[in-house]
N, C-alpha and C. Protein backbone atom coordinates (compact mmCIF):
# COMPACT_ATOMS: atom_id res chain seq x y z
N UNK A 1 -6.29 -1.47 -9.10
CA UNK A 1 -5.64 -2.66 -8.60
C UNK A 1 -6.67 -3.46 -7.81
N UNK A 2 -6.73 -4.74 -8.08
CA UNK A 2 -7.66 -5.62 -7.37
C UNK A 2 -7.24 -5.76 -5.90
N UNK A 3 -8.22 -6.08 -5.07
CA UNK A 3 -7.96 -6.23 -3.64
C UNK A 3 -6.86 -7.26 -3.36
N UNK A 4 -6.91 -8.39 -4.08
CA UNK A 4 -5.91 -9.43 -3.85
C UNK A 4 -4.51 -8.97 -4.28
N UNK A 5 -4.45 -8.17 -5.33
CA UNK A 5 -3.16 -7.63 -5.77
C UNK A 5 -2.62 -6.63 -4.75
N UNK A 6 -3.51 -5.84 -4.18
CA UNK A 6 -3.11 -4.87 -3.18
C UNK A 6 -2.56 -5.55 -1.94
N UNK A 7 -3.28 -6.53 -1.42
CA UNK A 7 -2.80 -7.20 -0.22
C UNK A 7 -1.50 -7.94 -0.50
N UNK A 8 -1.37 -8.52 -1.68
CA UNK A 8 -0.12 -9.20 -2.05
C UNK A 8 1.04 -8.20 -2.13
N UNK A 9 0.78 -7.01 -2.65
CA UNK A 9 1.81 -5.98 -2.72
C UNK A 9 2.25 -5.56 -1.32
N UNK A 10 1.30 -5.36 -0.44
CA UNK A 10 1.63 -4.98 0.94
C UNK A 10 2.44 -6.08 1.60
N UNK A 11 2.04 -7.31 1.40
CA UNK A 11 2.80 -8.45 1.96
C UNK A 11 4.21 -8.48 1.40
N UNK A 12 4.36 -8.21 0.12
CA UNK A 12 5.67 -8.19 -0.51
C UNK A 12 6.53 -7.07 0.08
N UNK A 13 5.97 -5.89 0.19
CA UNK A 13 6.72 -4.75 0.72
C UNK A 13 7.18 -5.01 2.14
N UNK A 14 6.31 -5.59 2.95
CA UNK A 14 6.63 -5.83 4.36
C UNK A 14 7.28 -7.18 4.62
N UNK A 15 7.48 -7.94 3.54
CA UNK A 15 8.08 -9.27 3.64
C UNK A 15 7.30 -10.17 4.61
N UNK A 16 5.98 -10.17 4.42
CA UNK A 16 5.09 -10.99 5.23
C UNK A 16 4.65 -12.21 4.43
N UNK A 17 4.21 -13.20 5.14
CA UNK A 17 3.71 -14.43 4.52
C UNK A 17 2.44 -14.14 3.73
N UNK A 18 2.30 -14.79 2.59
CA UNK A 18 1.12 -14.62 1.74
C UNK A 18 -0.14 -14.97 2.52
N UNK A 19 -1.17 -14.15 2.33
CA UNK A 19 -2.45 -14.40 2.96
C UNK A 19 -2.60 -13.85 4.36
N UNK A 20 -1.60 -13.11 4.84
CA UNK A 20 -1.67 -12.60 6.21
C UNK A 20 -2.24 -11.19 6.31
N UNK A 21 -2.27 -10.46 5.23
CA UNK A 21 -2.75 -9.08 5.25
C UNK A 21 -4.19 -9.02 4.75
N UNK A 22 -5.02 -8.28 5.47
CA UNK A 22 -6.43 -8.08 5.12
C UNK A 22 -6.66 -6.59 4.82
N UNK A 23 -7.69 -6.29 4.05
CA UNK A 23 -7.96 -4.91 3.65
C UNK A 23 -8.20 -3.97 4.83
N UNK A 24 -8.80 -4.46 5.89
CA UNK A 24 -9.11 -3.61 7.02
C UNK A 24 -8.02 -3.58 8.09
N UNK A 25 -6.88 -4.19 7.81
CA UNK A 25 -5.76 -4.12 8.74
C UNK A 25 -5.27 -2.69 8.87
N UNK A 26 -5.01 -2.27 10.10
CA UNK A 26 -4.41 -0.96 10.34
C UNK A 26 -2.95 -1.02 9.93
N UNK A 27 -2.50 0.02 9.24
CA UNK A 27 -1.10 0.04 8.80
C UNK A 27 -0.15 -0.02 9.98
N UNK A 28 -0.46 0.70 11.04
CA UNK A 28 0.42 0.68 12.21
C UNK A 28 0.45 -0.72 12.85
N UNK A 29 -0.62 -1.47 12.69
CA UNK A 29 -0.68 -2.82 13.24
C UNK A 29 0.14 -3.84 12.47
N UNK A 30 0.45 -3.52 11.21
CA UNK A 30 1.27 -4.43 10.41
C UNK A 30 2.68 -3.86 10.21
N UNK A 31 3.00 -2.87 11.06
CA UNK A 31 4.35 -2.28 11.09
C UNK A 31 4.73 -1.57 9.80
N UNK A 32 3.76 -0.89 9.21
CA UNK A 32 4.00 -0.05 8.04
C UNK A 32 4.82 1.15 8.50
N UNK A 33 5.90 1.45 7.80
CA UNK A 33 6.77 2.54 8.22
C UNK A 33 7.17 3.42 7.04
N UNK A 34 8.08 4.35 7.26
CA UNK A 34 8.48 5.28 6.21
C UNK A 34 9.16 4.56 5.05
N UNK A 35 9.89 3.51 5.31
CA UNK A 35 10.51 2.74 4.23
C UNK A 35 9.43 2.06 3.38
N UNK A 36 8.39 1.57 4.03
CA UNK A 36 7.27 0.97 3.30
C UNK A 36 6.60 2.02 2.43
N UNK A 37 6.46 3.25 2.94
CA UNK A 37 5.88 4.34 2.15
C UNK A 37 6.68 4.56 0.87
N UNK A 38 7.99 4.66 1.00
CA UNK A 38 8.85 4.91 -0.16
C UNK A 38 8.75 3.76 -1.16
N UNK A 39 8.78 2.55 -0.66
CA UNK A 39 8.69 1.38 -1.52
C UNK A 39 7.34 1.33 -2.22
N UNK A 40 6.28 1.64 -1.49
CA UNK A 40 4.93 1.65 -2.06
C UNK A 40 4.83 2.66 -3.20
N UNK A 41 5.32 3.87 -2.97
CA UNK A 41 5.29 4.91 -4.00
C UNK A 41 6.04 4.43 -5.25
N UNK A 42 7.21 3.85 -5.06
CA UNK A 42 8.01 3.37 -6.19
C UNK A 42 7.32 2.23 -6.92
N UNK A 43 6.72 1.31 -6.20
CA UNK A 43 6.06 0.16 -6.82
C UNK A 43 4.83 0.58 -7.61
N UNK A 44 4.06 1.51 -7.09
CA UNK A 44 2.87 1.97 -7.81
C UNK A 44 3.28 2.70 -9.07
N UNK A 45 4.33 3.48 -8.99
CA UNK A 45 4.84 4.17 -10.18
C UNK A 45 5.33 3.15 -11.20
N UNK A 46 6.10 2.18 -10.76
CA UNK A 46 6.67 1.18 -11.66
C UNK A 46 5.61 0.26 -12.27
N UNK A 47 4.70 -0.23 -11.46
CA UNK A 47 3.72 -1.21 -11.92
C UNK A 47 2.55 -0.58 -12.68
N UNK A 48 2.12 0.60 -12.22
CA UNK A 48 0.90 1.18 -12.78
C UNK A 48 1.13 2.52 -13.48
N UNK A 49 2.32 3.07 -13.33
CA UNK A 49 2.59 4.36 -13.93
C UNK A 49 1.80 5.49 -13.29
N UNK A 50 1.46 5.31 -12.02
CA UNK A 50 0.69 6.33 -11.29
C UNK A 50 1.56 6.96 -10.22
N UNK A 51 1.28 8.22 -9.94
CA UNK A 51 2.05 8.95 -8.93
C UNK A 51 1.21 9.07 -7.66
N UNK A 52 1.75 8.52 -6.58
CA UNK A 52 1.12 8.60 -5.27
C UNK A 52 1.83 9.71 -4.50
N UNK A 53 1.06 10.65 -4.00
CA UNK A 53 1.62 11.76 -3.23
C UNK A 53 1.93 11.31 -1.80
N UNK A 54 3.13 11.64 -1.34
CA UNK A 54 3.57 11.24 -0.01
C UNK A 54 2.65 11.78 1.09
N UNK A 55 2.21 13.02 0.95
CA UNK A 55 1.33 13.60 1.97
C UNK A 55 0.01 12.83 2.07
N UNK A 56 -0.54 12.46 0.94
CA UNK A 56 -1.78 11.69 0.93
C UNK A 56 -1.54 10.29 1.51
N UNK A 57 -0.41 9.70 1.21
CA UNK A 57 -0.07 8.38 1.73
C UNK A 57 0.03 8.41 3.25
N UNK A 58 0.57 9.48 3.79
CA UNK A 58 0.70 9.60 5.24
C UNK A 58 -0.65 9.66 5.95
N UNK A 59 -1.71 9.99 5.22
CA UNK A 59 -3.06 10.06 5.79
C UNK A 59 -3.74 8.69 5.82
N UNK A 60 -3.21 7.71 5.12
CA UNK A 60 -3.81 6.38 5.06
C UNK A 60 -3.69 5.68 6.41
N UNK A 61 -4.77 5.05 6.81
CA UNK A 61 -4.80 4.33 8.10
C UNK A 61 -4.89 2.81 7.93
N UNK A 62 -5.52 2.37 6.82
CA UNK A 62 -5.71 0.93 6.59
C UNK A 62 -5.18 0.55 5.22
N UNK A 63 -5.07 -0.74 5.00
CA UNK A 63 -4.69 -1.25 3.68
C UNK A 63 -5.72 -0.81 2.65
N UNK A 64 -6.98 -0.82 3.01
CA UNK A 64 -8.04 -0.38 2.11
C UNK A 64 -7.82 1.07 1.68
N UNK A 65 -7.34 1.90 2.60
CA UNK A 65 -7.03 3.30 2.27
C UNK A 65 -5.95 3.39 1.19
N UNK A 66 -5.00 2.48 1.24
CA UNK A 66 -3.95 2.45 0.21
C UNK A 66 -4.58 2.21 -1.16
N UNK A 67 -5.54 1.30 -1.22
CA UNK A 67 -6.22 1.01 -2.47
C UNK A 67 -6.98 2.22 -3.00
N UNK A 68 -7.63 2.94 -2.10
CA UNK A 68 -8.35 4.15 -2.52
C UNK A 68 -7.37 5.20 -3.03
N UNK A 69 -6.23 5.28 -2.41
CA UNK A 69 -5.20 6.23 -2.84
C UNK A 69 -4.70 5.89 -4.25
N UNK A 70 -4.52 4.61 -4.51
CA UNK A 70 -4.10 4.18 -5.86
C UNK A 70 -5.16 4.58 -6.88
N UNK A 71 -6.42 4.36 -6.53
CA UNK A 71 -7.52 4.69 -7.45
C UNK A 71 -7.55 6.19 -7.78
N UNK A 72 -7.17 7.01 -6.80
CA UNK A 72 -7.18 8.46 -6.98
C UNK A 72 -5.94 8.98 -7.74
N UNK A 73 -4.88 8.19 -7.72
CA UNK A 73 -3.61 8.62 -8.32
C UNK A 73 -3.72 8.68 -9.84
N UNK A 74 -2.93 9.57 -10.41
CA UNK A 74 -2.91 9.70 -11.88
C UNK A 74 -1.69 9.04 -12.46
């Protein structure tokens, strides 16, 4: 997933204005929560057919980490 697609997905999940999320934003700083985790897992499965493990997702600290997790997912 391209960086711009990733940030747009995060903005969509969190219902934020387009262009407000950056790759190095801390997830806790943009109010990422357990509902966002569930939505993220479902969206990655639906859009890319990849499975993101919840335990690995809980280790992510930044938006960039989410992208790395997607790259690692099968």
